[in-house]
Amino acid sequence: MNIILLGAPGAGKGTQAKLIVEKYGIPQISTGDMLREAVEKGTELGKKAKVYMERGELVPDDIVIGIVKERLSEDDCKRGYILDGFPRTIKQAEALDEILLSMSSKIDAVINISVSEEEIIRRIVFRRVCRRCGAVYNLIYNPPKQGDICDRCGGELYQRDDDKEEVVRERLKAYKEQTQPLKDYYSKKGILYNIDGAKKIDEIFEDIQKILENLKD
């Protein structure tokens, strides 16, 4: 099954994608993770993407589409995949349709995780990440036991630049303006499913499983 996860930054797409991976054994394709890795490695692609990411703007389509096209051609995607963070715009959605058509494939379900803007702000701005092991905390919902020290490995916790409030609000603004229309795009195709992202993680996953099990029938 080929799935797209929609939702604003901080809606919980990454968390749900990992649960789907564990349950159904298909890979998660997160453009956000791939772009951040390129930035950290200092690749040519990463240098281009970094300028936009630091301003809280969407990375240009040509960069993102190139990454996704190569990824979908890999062997582990033959049984299905989860697209997390792509497409973000109608142009990207249309480009994805062309890519899949050339591969004699299609998207089976688009799952939209809906969360209020203020809840998203709380989730992202208070997020902290361990520099050593990558563990993620939230100072409100899942705080570390000792200040800015990781419970797991004792590493230093820090706030990513793109998690700062001014950047988050820019990201949400960009999402509303450019990504929101995707719901209409996929609704017209009859493959859009809306999920309440304010529920507990396991409850959200139960709702997603119901959708995916129906796809298998």
C-alpha atoms as a PDB file:
ATOM      1  CA  MET A   1       0.000   0.000   0.000  1.00  0.00           C
ATOM      2  CA  ASN A   2       1.234   3.467  -0.922  1.00  0.00           C
ATOM      3  CA  ILE A   3       0.297   6.111   1.645  1.00  0.00           C
ATOM      4  CA  ILE A   4       0.673   9.874   2.016  1.00  0.00           C
ATOM      5  CA  LEU A   5       0.540  11.448   5.479  1.00  0.00           C
ATOM      6  CA  LEU A   6      -0.698  15.043   5.507  1.00  0.00           C
ATOM      7  CA  GLY A   7      -0.700  17.476   8.402  1.00  0.00           C
ATOM      8  CA  ALA A   8       0.972  20.668   9.559  1.00  0.00           C
ATOM      9  CA  PRO A   9       4.480  20.580  11.107  1.00  0.00           C
ATOM     10  CA  GLY A  10       4.128  19.039  14.559  1.00  0.00           C
ATOM     11  CA  ALA A  11       0.846  17.251  13.792  1.00  0.00           C
ATOM     12  CA  GLY A  12       2.449  13.891  14.597  1.00  0.00           C
ATOM     13  CA  LYS A  13       3.035  12.531  11.106  1.00  0.00           C
ATOM     14  CA  GLY A  14       6.490  11.189  11.955  1.00  0.00           C
ATOM     15  CA  THR A  15       5.265   9.359  15.056  1.00  0.00           C
ATOM     16  CA  GLN A  16       2.381   7.709  13.222  1.00  0.00           C
ATOM     17  CA  ALA A  17       4.601   6.848  10.256  1.00  0.00           C
ATOM     18  CA  LYS A  18       6.950   4.895  12.520  1.00  0.00           C
ATOM     19  CA  LEU A  19       4.009   2.950  13.975  1.00  0.00           C
ATOM     20  CA  ILE A  20       2.827   2.098  10.459  1.00  0.00           C
ATOM     21  CA  VAL A  21       6.349   0.946   9.555  1.00  0.00           C
ATOM     22  CA  GLU A  22       6.435  -1.399  12.564  1.00  0.00           C
ATOM     23  CA  LYS A  23       2.960  -2.794  11.870  1.00  0.00           C
ATOM     24  CA  TYR A  24       3.021  -3.181   8.093  1.00  0.00           C
ATOM     25  CA  GLY A  25       6.727  -3.404   7.244  1.00  0.00           C
ATOM     26  CA  ILE A  26       6.823  -0.677   4.593  1.00  0.00           C
ATOM     27  CA  PRO A  27       9.429   2.126   4.570  1.00  0.00           C
ATOM     28  CA  GLN A  28       8.838   5.675   5.755  1.00  0.00           C
ATOM     29  CA  ILE A  29      10.038   8.274   3.277  1.00  0.00           C
ATOM     30  CA  SER A  30      10.457  11.521   5.182  1.00  0.00           C
ATOM     31  CA  THR A  31      11.694  14.412   3.067  1.00  0.00           C
ATOM     32  CA  GLY A  32      12.312  16.405   6.259  1.00  0.00           C
ATOM     33  CA  ASP A  33      14.765  13.812   7.574  1.00  0.00           C
ATOM     34  CA  MET A  34      16.470  13.477   4.202  1.00  0.00           C
ATOM     35  CA  LEU A  35      16.881  17.250   3.861  1.00  0.00           C
ATOM     36  CA  ARG A  36      18.233  17.643   7.408  1.00  0.00           C
ATOM     37  CA  GLU A  37      20.725  14.831   6.774  1.00  0.00           C
ATOM     38  CA  ALA A  38      21.886  16.579   3.585  1.00  0.00           C
ATOM     39  CA  VAL A  39      22.319  19.835   5.546  1.00  0.00           C
ATOM     40  CA  GLU A  40      24.351  18.103   8.270  1.00  0.00           C
ATOM     41  CA  LYS A  41      26.606  16.430   5.702  1.00  0.00           C
ATOM     42  CA  GLY A  42      27.092  19.707   3.869  1.00  0.00           C
ATOM     43  CA  THR A  43      26.188  18.262   0.462  1.00  0.00           C
ATOM     44  CA  GLU A  44      25.426  20.544  -2.491  1.00  0.00           C
ATOM     45  CA  LEU A  45      21.735  19.759  -2.038  1.00  0.00           C
ATOM     46  CA  GLY A  46      22.007  20.386   1.694  1.00  0.00           C
ATOM     47  CA  LYS A  47      23.611  23.798   1.190  1.00  0.00           C
ATOM     48  CA  LYS A  48      20.769  24.863  -1.099  1.00  0.00           C
ATOM     49  CA  ALA A  49      18.081  23.506   1.215  1.00  0.00           C
ATOM     50  CA  LYS A  50      19.619  25.044   4.366  1.00  0.00           C
ATOM     51  CA  VAL A  51      18.953  28.608   3.210  1.00  0.00           C
ATOM     52  CA  TYR A  52      15.222  27.959   2.915  1.00  0.00           C
ATOM     53  CA  MET A  53      14.905  25.786   6.040  1.00  0.00           C
ATOM     54  CA  GLU A  54      16.541  28.380   8.300  1.00  0.00           C
ATOM     55  CA  ARG A  55      14.002  30.972   7.137  1.00  0.00           C
ATOM     56  CA  GLY A  56      11.131  28.574   7.747  1.00  0.00           C
ATOM     57  CA  GLU A  57      10.327  28.495   4.030  1.00  0.00           C
ATOM     58  CA  LEU A  58       9.491  25.485   1.892  1.00  0.00           C
ATOM     59  CA  VAL A  59      12.413  23.969  -0.011  1.00  0.00           C
ATOM     60  CA  PRO A  60      11.966  24.470  -3.810  1.00  0.00           C
ATOM     61  CA  ASP A  61      10.126  21.754  -5.694  1.00  0.00           C
ATOM     62  CA  ASP A  62      12.989  20.763  -7.983  1.00  0.00           C
ATOM     63  CA  ILE A  63      15.182  19.830  -5.006  1.00  0.00           C
ATOM     64  CA  VAL A  64      12.498  17.852  -3.172  1.00  0.00           C
ATOM     65  CA  ILE A  65      11.046  16.110  -6.226  1.00  0.00           C
ATOM     66  CA  GLY A  66      14.497  14.904  -7.253  1.00  0.00           C
ATOM     67  CA  ILE A  67      15.032  13.330  -3.838  1.00  0.00           C
ATOM     68  CA  VAL A  68      11.651  11.588  -3.821  1.00  0.00           C
ATOM     69  CA  LYS A  69      11.920  10.230  -7.369  1.00  0.00           C
ATOM     70  CA  GLU A  70      15.210   8.512  -6.617  1.00  0.00           C
ATOM     71  CA  ARG A  71      13.876   7.124  -3.344  1.00  0.00           C
ATOM     72  CA  LEU A  72      10.714   5.585  -4.840  1.00  0.00           C
ATOM     73  CA  SER A  73      12.862   3.670  -7.335  1.00  0.00           C
ATOM     74  CA  GLU A  74      14.650   1.735  -4.590  1.00  0.00           C
ATOM     75  CA  ASP A  75      13.840  -1.931  -3.972  1.00  0.00           C
ATOM     76  CA  ASP A  76      12.359  -1.526  -0.500  1.00  0.00           C
ATOM     77  CA  CYS A  77       9.490   0.565  -1.946  1.00  0.00           C
ATOM     78  CA  LYS A  78       8.151  -2.227  -4.160  1.00  0.00           C
ATOM     79  CA  ARG A  79       5.719  -3.477  -1.471  1.00  0.00           C
ATOM     80  CA  GLY A  80       4.589   0.026  -0.544  1.00  0.00           C
ATOM     81  CA  TYR A  81       5.727   3.110   1.360  1.00  0.00           C
ATOM     82  CA  ILE A  82       4.674   6.063   3.483  1.00  0.00           C
ATOM     83  CA  LEU A  83       5.346   9.562   2.170  1.00  0.00           C
ATOM     84  CA  ASP A  84       5.797  11.864   5.162  1.00  0.00           C
ATOM     85  CA  GLY A  85       6.242  15.551   4.312  1.00  0.00           C
ATOM     86  CA  PHE A  86       5.679  15.162   0.576  1.00  0.00           C
ATOM     87  CA  PRO A  87       3.878  16.398  -1.418  1.00  0.00           C
ATOM     88  CA  ARG A  88       3.517  19.885   0.127  1.00  0.00           C
ATOM     89  CA  THR A  89       2.077  21.714  -2.878  1.00  0.00           C
ATOM     90  CA  ILE A  90      -0.275  21.011  -5.794  1.00  0.00           C
ATOM     91  CA  LYS A  91       2.702  21.222  -8.136  1.00  0.00           C
ATOM     92  CA  GLN A  92       4.477  18.516  -6.142  1.00  0.00           C
ATOM     93  CA  ALA A  93       1.307  16.380  -6.091  1.00  0.00           C
ATOM     94  CA  GLU A  94       1.030  16.612  -9.859  1.00  0.00           C
ATOM     95  CA  ALA A  95       4.727  15.768 -10.218  1.00  0.00           C
ATOM     96  CA  LEU A  96       4.204  12.748  -7.956  1.00  0.00           C
ATOM     97  CA  ASP A  97       1.281  11.605 -10.123  1.00  0.00           C
ATOM     98  CA  GLU A  98       3.562  11.728 -13.174  1.00  0.00           C
ATOM     99  CA  ILE A  99       6.324   9.804 -11.398  1.00  0.00           C
ATOM    100  CA  LEU A 100       3.915   7.076 -10.267  1.00  0.00           C
ATOM    101  CA  LEU A 101       2.257   6.864 -13.696  1.00  0.00           C
ATOM    102  CA  SER A 102       5.664   6.163 -15.234  1.00  0.00           C
ATOM    103  CA  MET A 103       6.102   3.397 -12.635  1.00  0.00           C
ATOM    104  CA  SER A 104       2.579   1.972 -13.223  1.00  0.00           C
ATOM    105  CA  SER A 105       1.746   2.773  -9.608  1.00  0.00           C
ATOM    106  CA  LYS A 106      -0.595   5.031  -7.601  1.00  0.00           C
ATOM    107  CA  ILE A 107      -1.350   6.409  -4.127  1.00  0.00           C
ATOM    108  CA  ASP A 108      -3.892   4.282  -2.235  1.00  0.00           C
ATOM    109  CA  ALA A 109      -4.710   6.602   0.688  1.00  0.00           C
ATOM    110  CA  VAL A 110      -3.979  10.139   1.860  1.00  0.00           C
ATOM    111  CA  ILE A 111      -4.326  10.420   5.654  1.00  0.00           C
ATOM    112  CA  ASN A 112      -4.708  13.957   6.974  1.00  0.00           C
ATOM    113  CA  ILE A 113      -3.865  14.409  10.671  1.00  0.00           C
ATOM    114  CA  SER A 114      -5.618  17.565  11.886  1.00  0.00           C
ATOM    115  CA  VAL A 115      -4.351  19.547  14.925  1.00  0.00           C
ATOM    116  CA  SER A 116      -5.042  23.146  16.043  1.00  0.00           C
ATOM    117  CA  GLU A 117      -2.356  25.798  15.469  1.00  0.00           C
ATOM    118  CA  GLU A 118      -1.850  26.584  19.159  1.00  0.00           C
ATOM    119  CA  GLU A 119      -1.408  22.902  20.005  1.00  0.00           C
ATOM    120  CA  ILE A 120       1.200  22.630  17.249  1.00  0.00           C
ATOM    121  CA  ILE A 121       3.068  25.624  18.687  1.00  0.00           C
ATOM    122  CA  ARG A 122       3.193  23.911  22.102  1.00  0.00           C
ATOM    123  CA  ARG A 123       4.408  20.660  20.581  1.00  0.00           C
ATOM    124  CA  ILE A 124       7.212  22.170  18.495  1.00  0.00           C
ATOM    125  CA  VAL A 125       8.494  25.182  20.437  1.00  0.00           C
ATOM    126  CA  PHE A 126       8.907  23.107  23.617  1.00  0.00           C
ATOM    127  CA  ARG A 127      10.586  20.224  21.769  1.00  0.00           C
ATOM    128  CA  ARG A 128      14.181  19.392  22.685  1.00  0.00           C
ATOM    129  CA  VAL A 129      16.518  16.908  20.978  1.00  0.00           C
ATOM    130  CA  CYS A 130      19.559  15.076  22.341  1.00  0.00           C
ATOM    131  CA  ARG A 131      22.761  15.968  20.475  1.00  0.00           C
ATOM    132  CA  ARG A 132      24.252  12.548  21.178  1.00  0.00           C
ATOM    133  CA  CYS A 133      21.508   9.941  20.602  1.00  0.00           C
ATOM    134  CA  GLY A 134      18.721  11.954  18.950  1.00  0.00           C
ATOM    135  CA  ALA A 135      16.106  11.252  21.642  1.00  0.00           C
ATOM    136  CA  VAL A 136      13.213  13.733  21.526  1.00  0.00           C
ATOM    137  CA  TYR A 137      11.547  15.379  24.527  1.00  0.00           C
ATOM    138  CA  ASN A 138       8.867  18.007  25.113  1.00  0.00           C
ATOM    139  CA  LEU A 139       9.229  20.300  28.122  1.00  0.00           C
ATOM    140  CA  ILE A 140       5.439  20.192  28.675  1.00  0.00           C
ATOM    141  CA  TYR A 141       4.314  16.708  27.663  1.00  0.00           C
ATOM    142  CA  ASN A 142       7.458  14.573  27.994  1.00  0.00           C
ATOM    143  CA  PRO A 143      10.091  16.516  29.988  1.00  0.00           C
ATOM    144  CA  PRO A 144      13.545  15.113  30.795  1.00  0.00           C
ATOM    145  CA  LYS A 145      14.187  14.241  34.442  1.00  0.00           C
ATOM    146  CA  GLN A 146      17.162  16.608  34.754  1.00  0.00           C
ATOM    147  CA  GLY A 147      16.971  19.992  33.024  1.00  0.00           C
ATOM    148  CA  ASP A 148      18.699  19.859  29.659  1.00  0.00           C
ATOM    149  CA  ILE A 149      20.197  16.370  30.107  1.00  0.00           C
ATOM    150  CA  CYS A 150      19.006  13.320  28.130  1.00  0.00           C
ATOM    151  CA  ASP A 151      17.514  10.547  30.301  1.00  0.00           C
ATOM    152  CA  ARG A 152      18.752   7.890  27.903  1.00  0.00           C
ATOM    153  CA  CYS A 153      22.426   8.746  27.366  1.00  0.00           C
ATOM    154  CA  GLY A 154      23.210  11.873  29.397  1.00  0.00           C
ATOM    155  CA  GLY A 155      23.766  13.958  26.279  1.00  0.00           C
ATOM    156  CA  GLU A 156      22.958  17.649  25.972  1.00  0.00           C
ATOM    157  CA  LEU A 157      19.438  18.607  24.900  1.00  0.00           C
ATOM    158  CA  TYR A 158      18.987  21.507  22.485  1.00  0.00           C
ATOM    159  CA  GLN A 159      16.305  23.307  20.484  1.00  0.00           C
ATOM    160  CA  ARG A 160      16.631  22.963  16.718  1.00  0.00           C
ATOM    161  CA  ASP A 161      16.722  26.273  14.837  1.00  0.00           C
ATOM    162  CA  ASP A 162      13.579  25.348  12.904  1.00  0.00           C
ATOM    163  CA  ASP A 163      11.753  24.663  16.208  1.00  0.00           C
ATOM    164  CA  LYS A 164      11.951  28.290  17.397  1.00  0.00           C
ATOM    165  CA  GLU A 165       8.587  30.061  17.622  1.00  0.00           C
ATOM    166  CA  GLU A 166       9.148  32.682  14.929  1.00  0.00           C
ATOM    167  CA  VAL A 167      10.267  29.995  12.491  1.00  0.00           C
ATOM    168  CA  VAL A 168       7.391  27.677  13.448  1.00  0.00           C
ATOM    169  CA  ARG A 169       4.818  30.397  12.777  1.00  0.00           C
ATOM    170  CA  GLU A 170       6.377  31.006   9.364  1.00  0.00           C
ATOM    171  CA  ARG A 171       6.234  27.286   8.650  1.00  0.00           C
ATOM    172  CA  LEU A 172       2.545  27.174   9.609  1.00  0.00           C
ATOM    173  CA  LYS A 173       1.820  30.199   7.437  1.00  0.00           C
ATOM    174  CA  ALA A 174       3.556  28.531   4.495  1.00  0.00           C
ATOM    175  CA  TYR A 175       1.631  25.326   5.198  1.00  0.00           C
ATOM    176  CA  LYS A 176      -1.728  27.069   5.138  1.00  0.00           C
ATOM    177  CA  GLU A 177      -0.978  28.971   1.952  1.00  0.00           C
ATOM    178  CA  GLN A 178       0.620  26.208  -0.091  1.00  0.00           C
ATOM    179  CA  THR A 179      -0.179  22.818   1.405  1.00  0.00           C
ATOM    180  CA  GLN A 180      -3.761  23.128   2.604  1.00  0.00           C
ATOM    181  CA  PRO A 181      -5.142  22.951  -0.985  1.00  0.00           C
ATOM    182  CA  LEU A 182      -3.825  19.371  -1.158  1.00  0.00           C
ATOM    183  CA  LYS A 183      -6.810  18.258   0.898  1.00  0.00           C
ATOM    184  CA  ASP A 184      -9.134  19.404  -1.864  1.00  0.00           C
ATOM    185  CA  TYR A 185      -6.886  17.832  -4.507  1.00  0.00           C
ATOM    186  CA  TYR A 186      -6.983  14.379  -2.922  1.00  0.00           C
ATOM    187  CA  SER A 187     -10.575  14.680  -1.742  1.00  0.00           C
ATOM    188  CA  LYS A 188     -11.631  14.986  -5.387  1.00  0.00           C
ATOM    189  CA  LYS A 189      -9.742  11.763  -6.082  1.00  0.00           C
ATOM    190  CA  GLY A 190     -11.719  10.055  -3.308  1.00  0.00           C
ATOM    191  CA  ILE A 191      -8.656   8.928  -1.341  1.00  0.00           C
ATOM    192  CA  LEU A 192      -8.523  11.539   1.469  1.00  0.00           C
ATOM    193  CA  TYR A 193      -9.150  10.398   5.062  1.00  0.00           C
ATOM    194  CA  ASN A 194      -9.297  12.912   7.934  1.00  0.00           C
ATOM    195  CA  ILE A 195      -7.988  11.922  11.388  1.00  0.00           C
ATOM    196  CA  ASP A 196      -8.318  13.843  14.691  1.00  0.00           C
ATOM    197  CA  GLY A 197      -4.694  14.494  15.702  1.00  0.00           C
ATOM    198  CA  ALA A 198      -5.653  15.815  19.146  1.00  0.00           C
ATOM    199  CA  LYS A 199      -6.257  12.270  20.418  1.00  0.00           C
ATOM    200  CA  LYS A 200      -3.671  10.106  22.183  1.00  0.00           C
ATOM    201  CA  ILE A 201      -1.005   8.531  19.981  1.00  0.00           C
ATOM    202  CA  ASP A 202      -2.407   4.998  20.271  1.00  0.00           C
ATOM    203  CA  GLU A 203      -5.955   6.203  19.558  1.00  0.00           C
ATOM    204  CA  ILE A 204      -4.811   8.009  16.414  1.00  0.00           C
ATOM    205  CA  PHE A 205      -3.015   4.869  15.270  1.00  0.00           C
ATOM    206  CA  GLU A 206      -6.165   2.797  15.839  1.00  0.00           C
ATOM    207  CA  ASP A 207      -8.066   5.156  13.525  1.00  0.00           C
ATOM    208  CA  ILE A 208      -5.317   4.869  10.907  1.00  0.00           C
ATOM    209  CA  GLN A 209      -5.268   1.066  11.138  1.00  0.00           C
ATOM    210  CA  LYS A 210      -9.008   0.935  10.382  1.00  0.00           C
ATOM    211  CA  ILE A 211      -8.385   2.853   7.171  1.00  0.00           C
ATOM    212  CA  LEU A 212      -5.424   0.703   6.118  1.00  0.00           C
ATOM    213  CA  GLU A 213      -7.156  -2.597   6.900  1.00  0.00           C
ATOM    214  CA  ASN A 214     -10.031  -1.562   4.645  1.00  0.00           C
ATOM    215  CA  LEU A 215      -7.534  -0.935   1.853  1.00  0.00           C
ATOM    216  CA  LYS A 216      -6.317  -4.509   2.147  1.00  0.00           C
ATOM    217  CA  ASP A 217      -9.818  -5.986   1.832  1.00  0.00           C
END
